[in-house]
Amino acid sequence: MKALEKISDDEAQKIGERLGVDFQLFTIEEFKDALNVELKAEIKQGELQPSEDLNDSDLEAIGRVTMSHINVFDD
């Protein structure tokens, strides 16, 4: 996969489906926004480089972290 600065709707849906996200609780758009916040945070913290190629495993990891934050900060 190419380097990402933002996760698209399609990518968010694929990540959500792989993680078993219940899109009855929130929309794909809300999930995508949360994924992009996490992606930006990981880039800012130096865990990812903006030019780094991300594979499905990387995106799934970002999805798992995002879901853990959603579950902790249920608002």
PDB file of N, CA and C in Angstrom:
ATOM      1  N   MET A   1       0.847  -1.168   0.000  1.00  0.00           N
ATOM      2  CA  MET A   1       0.000   0.000   0.000  1.00  0.00           C
ATOM      3  C   MET A   1       0.890   1.228   0.000  1.00  0.00           C
ATOM      4  N   LYS A   2       0.418   2.268  -0.605  1.00  0.00           N
ATOM      5  CA  LYS A   2       1.184   3.506  -0.669  1.00  0.00           C
ATOM      6  C   LYS A   2       1.198   4.221   0.675  1.00  0.00           C
ATOM      7  N   ALA A   3       2.057   5.212   0.775  1.00  0.00           N
ATOM      8  CA  ALA A   3       2.125   6.025   1.980  1.00  0.00           C
ATOM      9  C   ALA A   3       0.797   6.750   2.175  1.00  0.00           C
ATOM     10  N   LEU A   4       0.386   6.894   3.417  1.00  0.00           N
ATOM     11  CA  LEU A   4      -0.897   7.520   3.723  1.00  0.00           C
ATOM     12  C   LEU A   4      -0.720   8.726   4.623  1.00  0.00           C
ATOM     13  N   GLU A   5      -1.503   9.735   4.356  1.00  0.00           N
ATOM     14  CA  GLU A   5      -1.645  10.840   5.293  1.00  0.00           C
ATOM     15  C   GLU A   5      -3.059  10.859   5.842  1.00  0.00           C
ATOM     16  N   LYS A   6      -3.978  10.238   5.106  1.00  0.00           N
ATOM     17  CA  LYS A   6      -5.369  10.120   5.541  1.00  0.00           C
ATOM     18  C   LYS A   6      -5.917   8.774   5.094  1.00  0.00           C
ATOM     19  N   ILE A   7      -6.796   8.237   5.903  1.00  0.00           N
ATOM     20  CA  ILE A   7      -7.453   6.977   5.591  1.00  0.00           C
ATOM     21  C   ILE A   7      -8.790   7.298   4.921  1.00  0.00           C
ATOM     22  N   SER A   8      -9.075   6.616   3.827  1.00  0.00           N
ATOM     23  CA  SER A   8     -10.295   6.868   3.057  1.00  0.00           C
ATOM     24  C   SER A   8     -11.492   6.120   3.659  1.00  0.00           C
ATOM     25  N   ASP A   9     -12.682   6.458   3.161  1.00  0.00           N
ATOM     26  CA  ASP A   9     -13.898   5.758   3.587  1.00  0.00           C
ATOM     27  C   ASP A   9     -13.791   4.258   3.307  1.00  0.00           C
ATOM     28  N   ASP A  10     -13.314   3.912   2.101  1.00  0.00           N
ATOM     29  CA  ASP A  10     -13.187   2.494   1.742  1.00  0.00           C
ATOM     30  C   ASP A  10     -12.222   1.763   2.665  1.00  0.00           C
ATOM     31  N   GLU A  11     -11.088   2.396   2.946  1.00  0.00           N
ATOM     32  CA  GLU A  11     -10.107   1.769   3.847  1.00  0.00           C
ATOM     33  C   GLU A  11     -10.679   1.638   5.250  1.00  0.00           C
ATOM     34  N   ALA A  12     -11.404   2.657   5.711  1.00  0.00           N
ATOM     35  CA  ALA A  12     -12.017   2.608   7.043  1.00  0.00           C
ATOM     36  C   ALA A  12     -13.022   1.469   7.122  1.00  0.00           C
ATOM     37  N   GLN A  13     -13.809   1.300   6.073  1.00  0.00           N
ATOM     38  CA  GLN A  13     -14.794   0.221   6.076  1.00  0.00           C
ATOM     39  C   GLN A  13     -14.096  -1.141   6.103  1.00  0.00           C
ATOM     40  N   LYS A  14     -13.036  -1.305   5.306  1.00  0.00           N
ATOM     41  CA  LYS A  14     -12.302  -2.572   5.294  1.00  0.00           C
ATOM     42  C   LYS A  14     -11.687  -2.868   6.658  1.00  0.00           C
ATOM     43  N   ILE A  15     -11.093  -1.841   7.273  1.00  0.00           N
ATOM     44  CA  ILE A  15     -10.496  -2.022   8.600  1.00  0.00           C
ATOM     45  C   ILE A  15     -11.589  -2.428   9.594  1.00  0.00           C
ATOM     46  N   GLY A  16     -12.696  -1.700   9.563  1.00  0.00           N
ATOM     47  CA  GLY A  16     -13.799  -1.992  10.475  1.00  0.00           C
ATOM     48  C   GLY A  16     -14.342  -3.394  10.309  1.00  0.00           C
ATOM     49  N   GLU A  17     -14.503  -3.815   9.075  1.00  0.00           N
ATOM     50  CA  GLU A  17     -15.007  -5.172   8.821  1.00  0.00           C
ATOM     51  C   GLU A  17     -14.037  -6.219   9.335  1.00  0.00           C
ATOM     52  N   ARG A  18     -12.743  -6.004   9.132  1.00  0.00           N
ATOM     53  CA  ARG A  18     -11.748  -6.972   9.609  1.00  0.00           C
ATOM     54  C   ARG A  18     -11.712  -7.054  11.125  1.00  0.00           C
ATOM     55  N   LEU A  19     -12.042  -5.940  11.799  1.00  0.00           N
ATOM     56  CA  LEU A  19     -12.027  -5.915  13.258  1.00  0.00           C
ATOM     57  C   LEU A  19     -13.395  -6.228  13.865  1.00  0.00           C
ATOM     58  N   GLY A  20     -14.399  -6.412  13.020  1.00  0.00           N
ATOM     59  CA  GLY A  20     -15.737  -6.708  13.525  1.00  0.00           C
ATOM     60  C   GLY A  20     -16.423  -5.512  14.150  1.00  0.00           C
ATOM     61  N   VAL A  21     -16.137  -4.322  13.642  1.00  0.00           N
ATOM     62  CA  VAL A  21     -16.739  -3.103  14.178  1.00  0.00           C
ATOM     63  C   VAL A  21     -18.240  -3.109  13.875  1.00  0.00           C
ATOM     64  N   ASP A  22     -19.036  -2.741  14.878  1.00  0.00           N
ATOM     65  CA  ASP A  22     -20.483  -2.656  14.721  1.00  0.00           C
ATOM     66  C   ASP A  22     -20.830  -1.240  14.261  1.00  0.00           C
ATOM     67  N   PHE A  23     -21.104  -1.088  12.972  1.00  0.00           N
ATOM     68  CA  PHE A  23     -21.405   0.234  12.434  1.00  0.00           C
ATOM     69  C   PHE A  23     -22.834   0.680  12.741  1.00  0.00           C
ATOM     70  N   GLN A  24     -23.507  -0.031  13.628  1.00  0.00           N
ATOM     71  CA  GLN A  24     -24.781   0.445  14.162  1.00  0.00           C
ATOM     72  C   GLN A  24     -24.532   1.436  15.293  1.00  0.00           C
ATOM     73  N   LEU A  25     -23.330   1.361  15.890  1.00  0.00           N
ATOM     74  CA  LEU A  25     -22.993   2.232  17.020  1.00  0.00           C
ATOM     75  C   LEU A  25     -22.493   3.600  16.574  1.00  0.00           C
ATOM     76  N   PHE A  26     -21.844   3.651  15.412  1.00  0.00           N
ATOM     77  CA  PHE A  26     -21.357   4.900  14.842  1.00  0.00           C
ATOM     78  C   PHE A  26     -21.152   4.697  13.355  1.00  0.00           C
ATOM     79  N   THR A  27     -21.044   5.784  12.628  1.00  0.00           N
ATOM     80  CA  THR A  27     -20.951   5.697  11.169  1.00  0.00           C
ATOM     81  C   THR A  27     -19.520   5.398  10.725  1.00  0.00           C
ATOM     82  N   ILE A  28     -19.404   4.993   9.492  1.00  0.00           N
ATOM     83  CA  ILE A  28     -18.081   4.785   8.901  1.00  0.00           C
ATOM     84  C   ILE A  28     -17.314   6.100   8.901  1.00  0.00           C
ATOM     85  N   GLU A  29     -18.008   7.196   8.632  1.00  0.00           N
ATOM     86  CA  GLU A  29     -17.371   8.518   8.631  1.00  0.00           C
ATOM     87  C   GLU A  29     -16.773   8.839  10.005  1.00  0.00           C
ATOM     88  N   GLU A  30     -17.511   8.550  11.074  1.00  0.00           N
ATOM     89  CA  GLU A  30     -17.001   8.784  12.430  1.00  0.00           C
ATOM     90  C   GLU A  30     -15.797   7.888  12.715  1.00  0.00           C
ATOM     91  N   PHE A  31     -15.872   6.633  12.293  1.00  0.00           N
ATOM     92  CA  PHE A  31     -14.762   5.704  12.483  1.00  0.00           C
ATOM     93  C   PHE A  31     -13.548   6.174  11.696  1.00  0.00           C
ATOM     94  N   LYS A  32     -13.758   6.595  10.453  1.00  0.00           N
ATOM     95  CA  LYS A  32     -12.660   7.093   9.619  1.00  0.00           C
ATOM     96  C   LYS A  32     -12.004   8.309  10.278  1.00  0.00           C
ATOM     97  N   ASP A  33     -12.815   9.219  10.804  1.00  0.00           N
ATOM     98  CA  ASP A  33     -12.264  10.400  11.474  1.00  0.00           C
ATOM     99  C   ASP A  33     -11.398   9.988  12.665  1.00  0.00           C
ATOM    100  N   ALA A  34     -11.876   9.015  13.442  1.00  0.00           N
ATOM    101  CA  ALA A  34     -11.106   8.529  14.588  1.00  0.00           C
ATOM    102  C   ALA A  34      -9.810   7.853  14.135  1.00  0.00           C
ATOM    103  N   LEU A  35      -9.880   7.075  13.052  1.00  0.00           N
ATOM    104  CA  LEU A  35      -8.675   6.444  12.503  1.00  0.00           C
ATOM    105  C   LEU A  35      -7.651   7.499  12.088  1.00  0.00           C
ATOM    106  N   ASN A  36      -8.125   8.557  11.448  1.00  0.00           N
ATOM    107  CA  ASN A  36      -7.217   9.600  10.985  1.00  0.00           C
ATOM    108  C   ASN A  36      -6.585  10.377  12.140  1.00  0.00           C
ATOM    109  N   VAL A  37      -7.326  10.546  13.236  1.00  0.00           N
ATOM    110  CA  VAL A  37      -6.747  11.165  14.438  1.00  0.00           C
ATOM    111  C   VAL A  37      -5.610  10.291  14.960  1.00  0.00           C
ATOM    112  N   GLU A  38      -5.850   8.983  15.023  1.00  0.00           N
ATOM    113  CA  GLU A  38      -4.816   8.055  15.509  1.00  0.00           C
ATOM    114  C   GLU A  38      -3.627   8.019  14.559  1.00  0.00           C
ATOM    115  N   LEU A  39      -3.884   7.982  13.258  1.00  0.00           N
ATOM    116  CA  LEU A  39      -2.800   7.990  12.272  1.00  0.00           C
ATOM    117  C   LEU A  39      -1.942   9.239  12.436  1.00  0.00           C
ATOM    118  N   LYS A  40      -2.587  10.389  12.571  1.00  0.00           N
ATOM    119  CA  LYS A  40      -1.861  11.653  12.745  1.00  0.00           C
ATOM    120  C   LYS A  40      -1.044  11.638  14.040  1.00  0.00           C
ATOM    121  N   ALA A  41      -1.616  11.084  15.108  1.00  0.00           N
ATOM    122  CA  ALA A  41      -0.906  10.997  16.388  1.00  0.00           C
ATOM    123  C   ALA A  41       0.331  10.112  16.277  1.00  0.00           C
ATOM    124  N   GLU A  42       0.198   8.993  15.566  1.00  0.00           N
ATOM    125  CA  GLU A  42       1.337   8.088  15.411  1.00  0.00           C
ATOM    126  C   GLU A  42       2.434   8.718  14.561  1.00  0.00           C
ATOM    127  N   ILE A  43       2.041   9.514  13.578  1.00  0.00           N
ATOM    128  CA  ILE A  43       3.031  10.228  12.772  1.00  0.00           C
ATOM    129  C   ILE A  43       3.716  11.289  13.640  1.00  0.00           C
ATOM    130  N   LYS A  44       2.929  12.037  14.406  1.00  0.00           N
ATOM    131  CA  LYS A  44       3.472  13.097  15.261  1.00  0.00           C
ATOM    132  C   LYS A  44       4.429  12.535  16.311  1.00  0.00           C
ATOM    133  N   GLN A  45       4.099  11.378  16.861  1.00  0.00           N
ATOM    134  CA  GLN A  45       4.926  10.759  17.891  1.00  0.00           C
ATOM    135  C   GLN A  45       6.148  10.061  17.304  1.00  0.00           C
ATOM    136  N   GLY A  46       6.231  10.012  15.983  1.00  0.00           N
ATOM    137  CA  GLY A  46       7.371   9.383  15.333  1.00  0.00           C
ATOM    138  C   GLY A  46       7.267   7.879  15.179  1.00  0.00           C
ATOM    139  N   GLU A  47       6.105   7.314  15.533  1.00  0.00           N
ATOM    140  CA  GLU A  47       5.929   5.870  15.384  1.00  0.00           C
ATOM    141  C   GLU A  47       5.765   5.482  13.919  1.00  0.00           C
ATOM    142  N   LEU A  48       5.243   6.395  13.128  1.00  0.00           N
ATOM    143  CA  LEU A  48       5.113   6.213  11.684  1.00  0.00           C
ATOM    144  C   LEU A  48       5.687   7.433  10.990  1.00  0.00           C
ATOM    145  N   GLN A  49       6.194   7.230   9.802  1.00  0.00           N
ATOM    146  CA  GLN A  49       6.671   8.338   8.980  1.00  0.00           C
ATOM    147  C   GLN A  49       5.625   8.607   7.906  1.00  0.00           C
ATOM    148  N   PRO A  50       5.353   9.883   7.590  1.00  0.00           N
ATOM    149  CA  PRO A  50       4.337  10.181   6.572  1.00  0.00           C
ATOM    150  C   PRO A  50       4.614   9.503   5.233  1.00  0.00           C
ATOM    151  N   SER A  51       5.865   9.273   4.938  1.00  0.00           N
ATOM    152  CA  SER A  51       6.215   8.649   3.654  1.00  0.00           C
ATOM    153  C   SER A  51       6.264   7.125   3.734  1.00  0.00           C
ATOM    154  N   GLU A  52       6.048   6.575   4.922  1.00  0.00           N
ATOM    155  CA  GLU A  52       6.146   5.128   5.127  1.00  0.00           C
ATOM    156  C   GLU A  52       4.991   4.396   4.442  1.00  0.00           C
ATOM    157  N   ASP A  53       5.324   3.326   3.764  1.00  0.00           N
ATOM    158  CA  ASP A  53       4.284   2.492   3.149  1.00  0.00           C
ATOM    159  C   ASP A  53       3.584   1.695   4.244  1.00  0.00           C
ATOM    160  N   LEU A  54       2.266   1.761   4.256  1.00  0.00           N
ATOM    161  CA  LEU A  54       1.489   1.035   5.255  1.00  0.00           C
ATOM    162  C   LEU A  54       0.821  -0.164   4.601  1.00  0.00           C
ATOM    163  N   ASN A  55       0.913  -1.308   5.267  1.00  0.00           N
ATOM    164  CA  ASN A  55       0.242  -2.496   4.749  1.00  0.00           C
ATOM    165  C   ASN A  55      -1.034  -2.742   5.550  1.00  0.00           C
ATOM    166  N   ASP A  56      -1.769  -3.770   5.195  1.00  0.00           N
ATOM    167  CA  ASP A  56      -3.030  -4.068   5.879  1.00  0.00           C
ATOM    168  C   ASP A  56      -2.826  -4.308   7.367  1.00  0.00           C
ATOM    169  N   SER A  57      -1.726  -4.911   7.738  1.00  0.00           N
ATOM    170  CA  SER A  57      -1.426  -5.166   9.142  1.00  0.00           C
ATOM    171  C   SER A  57      -1.243  -3.852   9.909  1.00  0.00           C
ATOM    172  N   ASP A  58      -0.555  -2.890   9.289  1.00  0.00           N
ATOM    173  CA  ASP A  58      -0.364  -1.577   9.922  1.00  0.00           C
ATOM    174  C   ASP A  58      -1.708  -0.888  10.135  1.00  0.00           C
ATOM    175  N   LEU A  59      -2.555  -0.932   9.109  1.00  0.00           N
ATOM    176  CA  LEU A  59      -3.867  -0.291   9.208  1.00  0.00           C
ATOM    177  C   LEU A  59      -4.749  -0.985  10.244  1.00  0.00           C
ATOM    178  N   GLU A  60      -4.645  -2.292  10.323  1.00  0.00           N
ATOM    179  CA  GLU A  60      -5.415  -3.023  11.325  1.00  0.00           C
ATOM    180  C   GLU A  60      -4.947  -2.648  12.730  1.00  0.00           C
ATOM    181  N   ALA A  61      -3.650  -2.464  12.910  1.00  0.00           N
ATOM    182  CA  ALA A  61      -3.120  -2.055  14.213  1.00  0.00           C
ATOM    183  C   ALA A  61      -3.643  -0.673  14.589  1.00  0.00           C
ATOM    184  N   ILE A  62      -3.676   0.237  13.631  1.00  0.00           N
ATOM    185  CA  ILE A  62      -4.225   1.572  13.881  1.00  0.00           C
ATOM    186  C   ILE A  62      -5.704   1.438  14.251  1.00  0.00           C
ATOM    187  N   GLY A  63      -6.408   0.549  13.582  1.00  0.00           N
ATOM    188  CA  GLY A  63      -7.815   0.303  13.896  1.00  0.00           C
ATOM    189  C   GLY A  63      -8.016  -0.240  15.296  1.00  0.00           C
ATOM    190  N   ARG A  64      -7.157  -1.163  15.718  1.00  0.00           N
ATOM    191  CA  ARG A  64      -7.269  -1.721  17.078  1.00  0.00           C
ATOM    192  C   ARG A  64      -7.040  -0.641  18.132  1.00  0.00           C
ATOM    193  N   VAL A  65      -6.041   0.211  17.925  1.00  0.00           N
ATOM    194  CA  VAL A  65      -5.777   1.301  18.875  1.00  0.00           C
ATOM    195  C   VAL A  65      -6.961   2.260  18.900  1.00  0.00           C
ATOM    196  N   THR A  66      -7.478   2.570  17.722  1.00  0.00           N
ATOM    197  CA  THR A  66      -8.639   3.461  17.630  1.00  0.00           C
ATOM    198  C   THR A  66      -9.823   2.886  18.398  1.00  0.00           C
ATOM    199  N   MET A  67     -10.091   1.601  18.202  1.00  0.00           N
ATOM    200  CA  MET A  67     -11.209   0.976  18.901  1.00  0.00           C
ATOM    201  C   MET A  67     -10.981   0.931  20.406  1.00  0.00           C
ATOM    202  N   SER A  68      -9.749   0.754  20.832  1.00  0.00           N
ATOM    203  CA  SER A  68      -9.499   0.760  22.273  1.00  0.00           C
ATOM    204  C   SER A  68      -9.791   2.134  22.855  1.00  0.00           C
ATOM    205  N   HIS A  69      -9.472   3.188  22.113  1.00  0.00           N
ATOM    206  CA  HIS A  69      -9.789   4.537  22.581  1.00  0.00           C
ATOM    207  C   HIS A  69     -11.295   4.774  22.575  1.00  0.00           C
ATOM    208  N   ILE A  70     -11.974   4.304  21.560  1.00  0.00           N
ATOM    209  CA  ILE A  70     -13.422   4.467  21.493  1.00  0.00           C
ATOM    210  C   ILE A  70     -14.071   3.739  22.673  1.00  0.00           C
ATOM    211  N   ASN A  71     -13.585   2.543  22.983  1.00  0.00           N
ATOM    212  CA  ASN A  71     -14.161   1.775  24.087  1.00  0.00           C
ATOM    213  C   ASN A  71     -13.878   2.396  25.449  1.00  0.00           C
ATOM    214  N   VAL A  72     -12.727   3.041  25.604  1.00  0.00           N
ATOM    215  CA  VAL A  72     -12.380   3.678  26.865  1.00  0.00           C
ATOM    216  C   VAL A  72     -13.111   5.008  27.015  1.00  0.00           C
ATOM    217  N   PHE A  73     -13.138   5.785  25.953  1.00  0.00           N
ATOM    218  CA  PHE A  73     -13.737   7.107  25.984  1.00  0.00           C
ATOM    219  C   PHE A  73     -15.079   7.088  25.261  1.00  0.00           C
ATOM    220  N   ASP A  74     -15.985   6.292  25.748  1.00  0.00           N
ATOM    221  CA  ASP A  74     -17.285   6.120  25.108  1.00  0.00           C
ATOM    222  C   ASP A  74     -18.117   7.386  25.268  1.00  0.00           C
ATOM    223  N   ASP A  75     -18.039   8.255  24.220  1.00  0.00           N
ATOM    224  CA  ASP A  75     -18.835   9.498  24.281  1.00  0.00           C
ATOM    225  C   ASP A  75     -19.479   9.791  22.966  1.00  0.00           C
TER     226      ASP A  75
END
